[in-house]
Every structure is written in structure tokens, then in C-alpha cells.
Protein backbone atom coordinates (compact mmCIF):
# COMPACT_ATOMS: atom_id res chain seq x y z
CA MET A 1 -24.14 6.60 -19.04
CA VAL A 2 -20.85 7.13 -17.25
CA PRO A 3 -18.55 9.37 -19.14
CA PRO A 4 -15.67 6.81 -19.87
CA VAL A 5 -13.32 9.01 -18.03
CA ARG A 6 -15.17 9.10 -14.70
CA LYS A 7 -15.42 4.82 -15.07
CA ALA A 8 -11.84 4.55 -15.69
CA VAL A 9 -11.75 6.33 -12.41
CA LEU A 10 -14.16 4.62 -10.51
CA VAL A 11 -13.38 1.00 -11.99
CA ALA A 12 -9.66 1.71 -10.53
CA ALA A 13 -10.56 3.00 -7.38
CA LEU A 14 -13.06 -0.26 -7.38
CA GLY A 15 -10.12 -2.19 -7.82
CA TYR A 16 -7.63 -0.70 -5.56
CA PHE A 17 -10.48 -1.31 -3.25
CA VAL A 18 -10.91 -4.59 -3.22
CA ASP A 19 -6.84 -5.20 -3.86
CA MET A 20 -6.77 -2.69 0.17
CA TYR A 21 -9.26 -5.35 1.63
CA ASP A 22 -6.87 -7.99 0.25
CA LEU A 23 -3.45 -7.03 1.20
CA VAL A 24 -4.83 -5.69 4.77
CA LEU A 25 -6.64 -8.81 5.53
CA PHE A 26 -3.76 -11.28 6.14
CA GLY A 27 -2.63 -8.82 9.03
CA VAL A 28 -6.12 -9.28 10.35
CA LEU A 29 -6.51 -12.70 10.23
CA ARG A 30 -3.50 -13.51 11.28
CA LEU A 31 -3.88 -14.65 14.87
CA PRO A 32 -7.49 -16.68 14.29
CA SER A 33 -6.01 -17.81 10.61
CA LEU A 34 -2.79 -19.67 12.28
CA LYS A 35 -4.97 -20.97 15.29
CA GLY A 36 -7.17 -22.54 12.48
CA ILE A 37 -4.77 -24.46 11.14
CA GLY A 38 -2.86 -25.77 14.79
CA LEU A 39 -0.49 -22.67 16.07
CA GLU A 40 -0.32 -22.09 19.33
CA GLY A 41 2.29 -19.54 21.35
CA PRO A 42 5.05 -18.12 20.04
CA ALA A 43 4.61 -19.72 16.81
CA LEU A 44 1.92 -17.46 16.11
CA THR A 45 4.78 -14.39 16.19
CA GLU A 46 7.30 -16.82 13.99
CA ALA A 47 4.90 -17.74 11.44
CA GLY A 48 3.04 -14.46 11.05
CA VAL A 49 6.52 -12.58 10.39
CA LEU A 50 7.09 -15.51 7.69
CA LEU A 51 3.55 -15.31 6.24
CA LEU A 52 4.24 -11.35 6.33
CA ASN A 53 7.64 -11.27 4.36
CA THR A 54 6.46 -13.73 2.26
CA GLN A 55 3.27 -11.92 0.49
CA VAL A 56 5.88 -8.62 0.86
CA ALA A 57 8.56 -10.69 -1.37
CA GLY A 58 5.57 -11.30 -3.89
CA ILE A 59 4.96 -7.80 -3.89
CA VAL A 60 8.09 -6.76 -4.48
CA LEU A 61 8.84 -9.52 -7.46
CA GLY A 62 4.97 -9.09 -9.03
CA SER A 63 5.70 -4.67 -9.22
CA MET A 64 8.66 -5.17 -11.31
CA LEU A 65 6.44 -7.50 -13.46
CA TRP A 66 3.27 -5.90 -13.95
CA GLY A 67 5.45 -2.70 -13.78
CA ALA A 68 7.34 -3.50 -17.25
CA LEU A 69 3.86 -5.19 -18.57
CA ALA A 70 1.66 -1.73 -17.79
CA ASP A 71 4.35 0.12 -20.34
CA LYS A 72 4.99 -2.64 -22.47
CA ARG A 73 1.69 -3.54 -23.27
CA GLY A 74 -0.55 -1.48 -21.67
CA ARG A 75 -2.52 0.28 -18.49
CA LEU A 76 -5.65 -2.48 -18.73
CA THR A 77 -3.71 -5.31 -19.49
CA VAL A 78 -2.37 -5.64 -15.69
CA LEU A 79 -5.51 -4.66 -14.09
CA PHE A 80 -7.34 -7.66 -15.55
CA GLY A 81 -4.52 -9.78 -14.94
CA SER A 82 -3.38 -8.75 -11.09
CA ILE A 83 -7.08 -9.11 -10.33
CA VAL A 84 -7.57 -12.33 -11.47
CA THR A 85 -4.57 -13.44 -9.40
CA TYR A 86 -4.36 -12.55 -5.91
CA SER A 87 -8.38 -12.82 -6.62
CA LEU A 88 -7.53 -16.70 -7.18
CA ALA A 89 -5.04 -16.85 -4.49
CA ASN A 90 -7.29 -15.37 -2.12
CA LEU A 91 -10.23 -18.19 -3.29
CA ALA A 92 -7.66 -20.59 -2.75
CA ASN A 93 -6.34 -19.10 0.92
CA ALA A 94 -9.48 -20.00 2.48
CA LEU A 95 -8.48 -23.61 1.83
CA VAL A 96 -5.27 -23.89 3.67
CA THR A 97 -4.26 -26.88 6.21
CA SER A 98 -0.86 -25.62 6.80
CA VAL A 99 2.38 -23.06 7.19
CA PRO A 100 3.99 -24.13 3.69
CA GLN A 101 0.55 -23.66 1.91
CA TYR A 102 -0.51 -20.08 3.35
CA ALA A 103 3.21 -18.85 2.64
CA ALA A 104 3.00 -20.21 -0.79
CA LEU A 105 -0.44 -18.80 -1.56
CA ARG A 106 0.73 -15.41 0.03
CA PHE A 107 3.11 -15.08 -2.08
CA VAL A 108 1.26 -16.18 -4.74
CA ALA A 109 -1.16 -13.10 -4.09
CA GLY A 110 1.63 -10.92 -3.26
CA VAL A 111 2.32 -10.96 -7.04
CA GLY A 112 -1.04 -10.53 -7.83
CA LEU A 113 -1.56 -7.22 -5.67
CA ALA A 114 1.76 -5.68 -6.90
CA GLY A 115 -0.26 -4.79 -10.01
CA GLU A 116 -3.32 -3.08 -8.79
CA LEU A 117 -2.18 0.13 -7.67
CA GLY A 118 0.27 1.57 -9.66
CA ALA A 119 -1.64 0.75 -12.95
CA GLY A 120 -4.91 2.14 -11.97
CA VAL A 121 -3.24 5.51 -10.53
CA THR A 122 -1.47 5.50 -13.92
CA LEU A 123 -4.60 4.96 -15.83
CA VAL A 124 -5.96 8.15 -14.72
CA SER A 125 -3.29 10.24 -14.38
CA GLU A 126 -3.44 9.93 -17.74
CA SER A 127 -6.55 9.96 -18.53
CA LEU A 128 -6.85 13.42 -16.46
CA ALA A 129 -6.59 17.27 -16.94
CA PRO A 130 -3.06 18.17 -15.14
CA LYS A 131 -5.24 20.39 -12.70
CA GLU A 132 -8.11 17.20 -11.81
CA ARG A 133 -5.13 15.23 -11.55
CA GLY A 134 -4.77 15.12 -8.01
CA PHE A 135 -8.72 15.44 -7.43
CA GLY A 136 -9.19 12.11 -9.17
CA THR A 137 -5.91 10.27 -7.76
CA THR A 138 -7.60 11.11 -4.24
CA PHE A 139 -10.67 9.87 -4.91
CA VAL A 140 -9.24 6.39 -5.78
CA ALA A 141 -6.79 6.17 -3.27
CA ALA A 142 -9.60 7.08 -0.41
CA LEU A 143 -11.92 4.94 -1.90
CA GLY A 144 -9.45 2.16 -1.94
CA LEU A 145 -8.27 2.57 1.57
CA ALA A 146 -12.01 2.02 2.86
CA GLY A 147 -11.17 -1.64 1.30
CA ALA A 148 -8.53 -2.06 3.96
CA LEU A 149 -10.89 -0.86 6.27
CA THR A 150 -13.62 -3.13 5.66
CA ALA A 151 -11.37 -6.14 5.84
CA GLY A 152 -10.89 -5.28 9.55
CA LEU A 153 -14.91 -4.96 10.05
CA VAL A 154 -15.26 -8.16 7.90
CA GLY A 155 -12.40 -9.98 9.39
CA ALA A 156 -13.99 -9.38 13.00
CA ARG A 157 -17.27 -10.16 12.58
CA LEU A 158 -16.64 -13.16 9.84
CA PRO A 159 -14.72 -17.15 9.95
CA TRP A 160 -11.05 -16.51 8.89
CA ARG A 161 -11.94 -18.80 5.28
CA THR A 162 -14.97 -16.79 4.64
CA SER A 163 -13.20 -13.66 4.34
CA TYR A 164 -11.21 -14.48 2.04
CA ILE A 165 -14.11 -15.93 -0.33
CA VAL A 166 -15.41 -12.66 -0.22
CA GLY A 167 -11.88 -10.67 -1.23
CA GLY A 168 -11.64 -13.51 -3.98
CA VAL A 169 -15.63 -13.13 -5.00
CA LEU A 170 -15.24 -9.41 -4.98
CA GLY A 171 -12.17 -9.18 -7.46
CA LEU A 172 -13.23 -11.61 -9.96
CA GLY A 173 -16.88 -9.69 -10.08
CA LEU A 174 -15.32 -6.61 -11.16
CA LEU A 175 -13.70 -8.18 -14.18
CA PHE A 176 -16.90 -6.93 -16.18
CA MET A 177 -16.60 -3.26 -15.56
CA ARG A 178 -12.79 -3.50 -17.08
CA ALA A 179 -14.18 -4.93 -19.60
CA GLN A 180 -15.38 -1.86 -20.77
CA LEU A 181 -12.08 0.35 -20.17
CA LEU A 182 -10.27 1.86 -22.96
CA GLU A 183 -6.50 3.01 -22.89
CA PRO A 184 -5.62 6.61 -22.42
CA ALA A 185 -5.29 8.42 -25.57
CA LEU A 186 -1.96 9.30 -23.89
CA PHE A 187 -0.46 5.98 -23.83
CA GLN A 188 -1.57 5.36 -27.26
CA ALA A 189 0.61 7.56 -28.74
CA GLN A 190 3.53 7.01 -27.07
CA LYS A 191 3.60 3.28 -27.79
CA ARG A 192 3.87 4.77 -31.60
CA ALA A 193 6.27 7.25 -30.09
CA ALA A 194 8.89 5.82 -27.94
CA GLN A 195 11.35 2.88 -28.78
CA VAL A 196 12.05 1.43 -24.89
CA ARG A 197 8.97 0.85 -23.10
CA GLY A 198 8.89 -0.39 -19.62
CA SER A 199 12.62 -0.88 -19.15
CA LEU A 200 13.33 -1.66 -15.45
CA LYS A 201 17.25 -1.12 -16.37
CA GLN A 202 16.08 2.31 -17.94
CA LEU A 203 14.27 3.18 -14.27
CA PHE A 204 17.36 2.56 -11.96
CA ASP A 205 20.07 4.04 -14.36
CA ARG A 206 21.85 7.32 -13.43
CA LYS A 207 19.65 9.57 -14.91
CA ARG A 208 16.98 7.92 -12.73
CA ILE A 209 17.76 6.46 -9.24
CA GLY A 210 18.00 9.27 -7.54
CA ARG A 211 14.62 10.51 -8.41
CA PHE A 212 13.52 6.66 -7.86
CA VAL A 213 15.10 6.07 -4.23
CA PRO A 214 14.02 9.08 -2.24
CA LEU A 215 10.53 8.65 -4.14
CA VAL A 216 10.77 5.39 -2.55
CA PHE A 217 12.16 6.56 0.71
CA VAL A 218 8.74 9.09 1.38
CA ALA A 219 6.23 6.51 1.83
CA ILE A 220 8.05 4.18 3.98
CA PRO A 221 6.69 4.75 7.00
CA ASN A 222 3.47 3.64 5.73
CA TRP A 223 4.61 0.16 5.77
CA TYR A 224 6.77 0.75 9.37
CA LEU A 225 2.99 1.51 10.53
CA ALA A 226 1.26 -1.34 9.02
CA GLY A 227 3.77 -3.77 9.43
CA ILE A 228 4.73 -3.43 13.48
CA LEU A 229 2.11 -0.67 14.95
CA MET A 230 -0.88 -2.25 13.17
CA THR A 231 0.00 -6.24 12.46
CA PHE A 232 1.68 -6.85 15.88
CA SER A 233 -0.34 -5.21 17.99
CA PRO A 234 -1.57 -7.73 20.78
CA GLU A 235 2.61 -8.01 21.31
CA VAL A 236 2.75 -4.18 21.34
CA GLY A 237 0.14 -3.75 23.32
CA LYS A 238 1.48 -6.56 25.94
CA ALA A 239 5.08 -4.94 26.05
CA LEU A 240 3.35 -1.63 26.53
CA GLY A 241 1.77 -3.22 29.70
CA MET A 242 -1.68 -3.53 28.65
CA ALA A 243 -3.10 -6.74 30.02
CA ASN A 244 -5.77 -6.86 26.90
CA PRO A 245 -3.97 -5.10 24.00
CA PRO A 246 -6.31 -4.70 20.72
CA THR A 247 -6.54 -6.96 18.13
CA PRO A 248 -5.42 -7.11 14.79
CA ALA A 249 -8.74 -6.33 13.61
CA GLN A 250 -9.62 -3.55 15.68
CA SER A 251 -5.90 -1.72 15.41
CA THR A 252 -6.39 -2.43 11.38
CA THR A 253 -10.38 -0.81 11.92
CA TRP A 254 -9.07 2.76 14.31
CA MET A 255 -6.31 2.84 11.84
CA TYR A 256 -7.54 2.96 8.72
CA VAL A 257 -11.04 5.09 10.01
CA GLY A 258 -8.05 8.08 10.19
CA VAL A 259 -5.99 7.21 6.91
CA VAL A 260 -9.08 7.28 4.28
CA ILE A 261 -10.12 10.50 5.94
CA GLY A 262 -6.47 12.35 5.67
CA ASP A 263 -6.20 10.20 2.06
CA VAL A 264 -8.93 12.72 1.28
CA ILE A 265 -7.36 15.55 3.48
CA PHE A 266 -4.05 15.65 1.98
CA GLY A 267 -4.84 14.92 -1.32
CA LEU A 268 -7.28 18.25 -1.29
CA LEU A 269 -4.50 19.80 0.68
CA SER A 270 -1.58 19.17 -2.05
CA GLN A 271 -4.73 20.42 -4.39
CA ALA A 272 -4.81 23.88 -2.23
CA LEU A 273 -1.28 24.14 -1.54
CA ARG A 274 -0.55 23.48 -5.41
CA SER A 275 2.62 21.32 -3.98
CA ARG A 276 2.77 17.91 -3.74
CA LYS A 277 6.02 18.61 -1.35
CA ARG A 278 4.13 20.86 1.08
CA ALA A 279 1.65 18.49 1.64
CA LEU A 280 4.47 16.14 2.32
CA TYR A 281 5.83 17.99 4.93
CA LEU A 282 3.32 18.34 6.99
CA ALA A 283 1.68 14.26 6.69
CA HIS A 284 5.49 13.49 8.26
CA ILE A 285 5.30 16.03 11.12
CA GLY A 286 2.06 14.99 12.33
CA MET A 287 3.08 11.03 12.28
CA THR A 288 6.37 12.49 13.63
CA VAL A 289 4.01 13.57 17.15
CA GLY A 290 2.24 9.96 16.45
CA PHE A 291 4.86 7.58 16.83
CA VAL A 292 6.36 9.61 20.21
CA GLY A 293 2.29 9.57 21.35
CA ILE A 294 1.95 6.16 21.40
CA PHE A 295 5.36 4.58 22.61
CA ALA A 296 4.79 7.99 25.51
CA HIS A 297 1.10 7.95 25.78
CA GLY A 298 -0.35 4.79 24.92
CA LYS A 299 0.95 2.86 27.31
CA GLY A 300 -1.32 0.25 29.54
CA SER A 301 -4.75 1.65 27.97
CA PRO A 302 -5.51 0.00 25.03
CA GLU A 303 -7.76 3.11 23.88
CA SER A 304 -5.11 5.27 24.05
CA TYR A 305 -3.48 2.89 22.25
CA LEU A 306 -6.22 2.76 19.23
CA GLY A 307 -6.63 6.38 20.19
CA TRP A 308 -2.86 7.52 18.58
CA LEU A 309 -3.41 4.64 15.91
CA LEU A 310 -5.73 6.79 14.31
CA TRP A 311 -3.99 10.07 14.45
CA LEU A 312 -1.51 8.69 12.23
CA GLY A 313 -3.51 6.83 10.33
CA LEU A 314 -5.28 10.41 9.68
CA PHE A 315 -1.60 11.60 8.71
CA SER A 316 -0.31 8.58 6.86
CA GLY A 317 -3.37 9.44 4.65
CA PHE A 318 -0.61 11.21 2.06
CA TRP A 319 -0.90 7.74 0.10
CA ALA A 320 -3.00 9.75 -3.04
CA VAL A 321 0.15 12.64 -2.96
CA PHE A 322 2.34 9.81 -3.23
CA VAL A 323 1.25 7.95 -5.51
CA THR A 324 0.15 10.72 -7.82
CA THR A 325 3.55 12.06 -7.39
CA ALA A 326 4.98 8.81 -8.41
CA ALA A 327 2.55 9.03 -11.87
CA GLU A 328 4.22 12.73 -12.42
CA LEU A 329 8.10 12.14 -11.88
CA PHE A 330 8.54 9.86 -14.86
CA GLY A 331 7.86 9.87 -18.32
CA THR A 332 5.36 7.78 -20.35
CA ASN A 333 7.44 5.09 -21.26
CA LEU A 334 8.22 4.51 -17.78
CA ARG A 335 5.31 5.71 -15.46
CA GLY A 336 3.26 2.54 -15.26
CA THR A 337 6.72 0.76 -14.07
CA ALA A 338 7.28 3.48 -11.66
CA ALA A 339 4.15 4.08 -10.38
CA THR A 340 3.46 0.20 -9.74
CA THR A 341 7.12 -0.52 -8.62
CA ALA A 342 7.65 2.07 -6.00
CA PRO A 343 4.61 1.31 -3.56
CA CYS A 344 5.20 -2.06 -3.59
CA PHE A 345 9.14 -0.86 -3.22
CA VAL A 346 7.45 1.27 -0.05
CA ARG A 347 6.03 -2.37 0.96
CA GLY A 348 8.88 -3.98 0.37
CA PHE A 349 10.53 -1.96 3.60
CA ALA A 350 7.87 -4.26 5.93
CA ILE A 351 10.64 -7.15 5.29
CA PRO A 352 13.89 -5.62 7.09
CA VAL A 353 11.96 -3.29 8.96
CA THR A 354 10.13 -6.00 10.80
CA LEU A 355 13.20 -7.95 10.76
CA SER A 356 15.00 -5.53 12.37
CA TRP A 357 12.59 -4.88 15.04
CA ARG A 358 12.58 -9.01 15.52
CA ALA A 359 16.55 -9.25 15.16
CA MET A 360 17.05 -5.79 17.81
CA GLN A 361 13.82 -7.42 20.41
CA PRO A 362 16.13 -9.60 22.68
CA HIS A 363 18.85 -7.06 22.99
CA LEU A 364 16.49 -3.68 23.53
CA GLY A 365 13.45 -5.00 24.03
CA THR A 366 9.90 -4.43 22.16
CA ILE A 367 9.28 -1.45 22.34
CA PRO A 368 12.44 0.03 22.31
CA ALA A 369 13.66 -1.62 19.16
CA ALA A 370 10.51 -0.49 17.69
CA SER A 371 11.05 3.45 18.66
CA VAL A 372 14.48 2.22 16.70
CA VAL A 373 13.12 1.51 13.93
CA GLY A 374 10.65 3.98 13.53
CA ALA A 375 12.77 6.90 13.78
CA VAL A 376 15.29 5.75 10.95
CA CYS A 377 12.03 4.83 8.90
CA MET A 378 11.47 8.47 9.44
CA VAL A 379 14.95 10.13 8.65
CA LEU A 380 14.87 8.64 5.63
CA ALA A 381 11.16 9.62 4.38
CA PHE A 382 11.96 13.31 5.48
CA ALA A 383 15.68 13.12 3.27
CA GLY A 384 13.44 11.38 0.44
CA ILE A 385 11.01 14.55 0.53
CA TRP A 386 13.54 16.88 0.49
CA ALA A 387 14.91 14.97 -2.59
CA ILE A 388 12.60 15.00 -4.70
CA PRO A 389 11.26 17.72 -7.56
CA GLU A 390 8.05 19.56 -7.00
CA THR A 391 6.07 17.92 -9.72
CA TYR A 392 1.88 19.74 -8.66
CA GLY A 393 0.85 20.69 -12.54
CA ARG A 394 3.55 18.85 -14.69
CA ASP A 395 1.96 18.03 -17.93
CA LEU A 396 2.34 14.17 -18.24
CA ASP A 397 2.71 14.45 -22.26
CA PHE A 398 6.76 13.44 -22.14
CA VAL A 399 8.73 10.20 -22.70
CA GLU A 400 12.38 9.38 -20.98
CA GLU A 401 14.51 9.05 -23.24
């Protein structure tokens, strides 16, 4: 029999695997699915931006819903509700015949996807001792990010409608394992002690906004990378002079090979250095090199472009460190809210990132516009790392007053 703590880590990891599969799948299937419902030419890019931003809007709104529920009702309530929501939405995605239908279902899927990571990481963080916490969340994130790699492989080989069905079935199949989990003892004790739980107003008040906003800034480059350089790799590659630019499926696969490896490296590095912030600084320096490299040296060669995506994926693999920090920064009565909303607000930055890129394209061109947006993202990220406190080894048995 698997010990309860190990089962919690495993089930959280498998849940995040399905979550990332479904989250990334639209980027992989954007072109074949939109062509499949009759779109072509420039409409493919315009509809792609609309659908991506609709999904992201659902994620941002869903994060506030699931985050509050995680602290008010429990981590397991969110793990059940979120996976049912996005699994059913992805099954329905296999039946769409128009852009409005597609947009509505990507919004619902986004709402569901918002709850998985934060609730899972909170559950694992509260179940493990401080010295083990980083290892547990690294395993969750690494296995979860392998779901994104799987989306790239499945989306390149199966028809787009079948790929959505696979994601829905995987999610619903995980519910049985989740039924055997229990809430962490730390959360059960907090329910009896704290009067205010899951309050968004409390999370965003003057005491805590200075922790939350810089934390969100730390991971903005990840969704610049995924939202532009990966999802729109055909458009970016063409602007770089490639006759046959990489497909989204190829870009997703190469980038997430790096992400999975990097997630293990930086998760373990934060443990070895006994510092979340040092690991984050090193990751962001590597990302800066990668962004310069992809625009300066990725011209004309799909292989070079994919190689730089692999590099960027490797150094964007600080996601485990980021979500662990989110859980460690806040007390038990706000931990689920913070750990759920922070990564989803990061994903929400895909909206201003992609819209800014599109708005600047007619004036600057595709590549200069992408370079400007990327530079702004990196400046905000370094400022965020500088502003947040170190959380390594923090005792999580505290509440926010």
C-alpha cells in the first residue's frame, strides 16, 4: 500500500500532468482545429489570439473562484471540481463547429484548469516537512510538465478531435484516485483556528499586495515564451526568414523537453543552495541569454529556432520553485488562494503580452515587437525576484491576520 503522503504527491502530480496536457493542447491544435472548422489565411492568427485569450480569461477568473474555495472548503474540493470542469469541457471541444462555440468551451476549460496546480501544490506543501517540501513540489511540477510534452506528441500524431477526447478521458479517469485522499492535518487545524479563510480582499490588501504582485512578475517570461514564441512559432519563424518554420507541435515538444529537465534541475538546485531566490536568479539569466539567442541566431533555420526553444525551456523550468514559493509566502488560511491565483495571474499576462505584440507589429514588425515585449517581461521578472522575501525552509504553520 502507498503511504498517504506519497499518494498525495503522486495524485497531485498526475493531476497536474492532465492539467498541462489540456492547457497546452490548444496551442498545438490551433492550426489543424481552426482549419478543420473552415478558417484559413490571416483568420487563423486572429482567431488563435482570440481563443488563447478567452482561455486565459477563464483561467484568471477561475483562479479566484478555486483559490477561495481551496481555503474555505478544502484542497480536495478544488481538486475534484476543477478536473471535472476542464475534462468535460475538453470532451466537448471535440465537437465544436464554429469559433464562438470553440471560444465558449475554451473559456470553461480555462476556468477548470485554474484550480489544479495551486490546490495540488498546497496539498503537497502542507503534507511534507520543510526539508522535503522542495523535492515533493519538484516531482509534481516535473511530472505535470511532462503532460505538456505529451500534448505536443499526441497533437502531432492524432486527429485534433481525438486529441481533445484523450485529455477529457485522462482527467475523468483520475477521479477514482482522488477519492482516496485526505485533507492535510495542517489545513484541518487551521479551519478551526482561523476566522477569515480564502479572502481575496485580504490577499490583495496593503499588507500582502507587496508580496503577491512581485511574485506574479517573477514568472511572466514563461508565458511570453509559451504565448508567442511557442504557440505562434509559424508566424515568428516566417518573420525570421524560414521557408518552413516549426509547427506549434514541434515547438511545444522541443520546449517542454527542456522544461521538464529544467524543472528537476532548478527544483533540486533550490534545495542544494538552500535558497529559492538564488535558483530563480540563475534561471532568469539563462532565459535572457535564450531570448537574445533566438532572435539573433535563430534566423532562417528551423533547427536553430527549436534548439533555442529547448534552451529557453530548460531555463524556464523554475516553475516548481515559483509555485513552491507561492505556497510558502502566505499563511494557511490564504495559502490555497495565493498558490492558485499567482500562477493563473501569470498565465493571465498572456493577454496583454499577445495583444501588445499584435498592436506593435504594424509599426515595428513581428520580430522587433516580440523583442520589445520580451525585454519588458524580463525587467519585470528580475524586479519581482528582488522584491520577494526568501522562503526556503519556512515553517508553514501560521495564518494571516
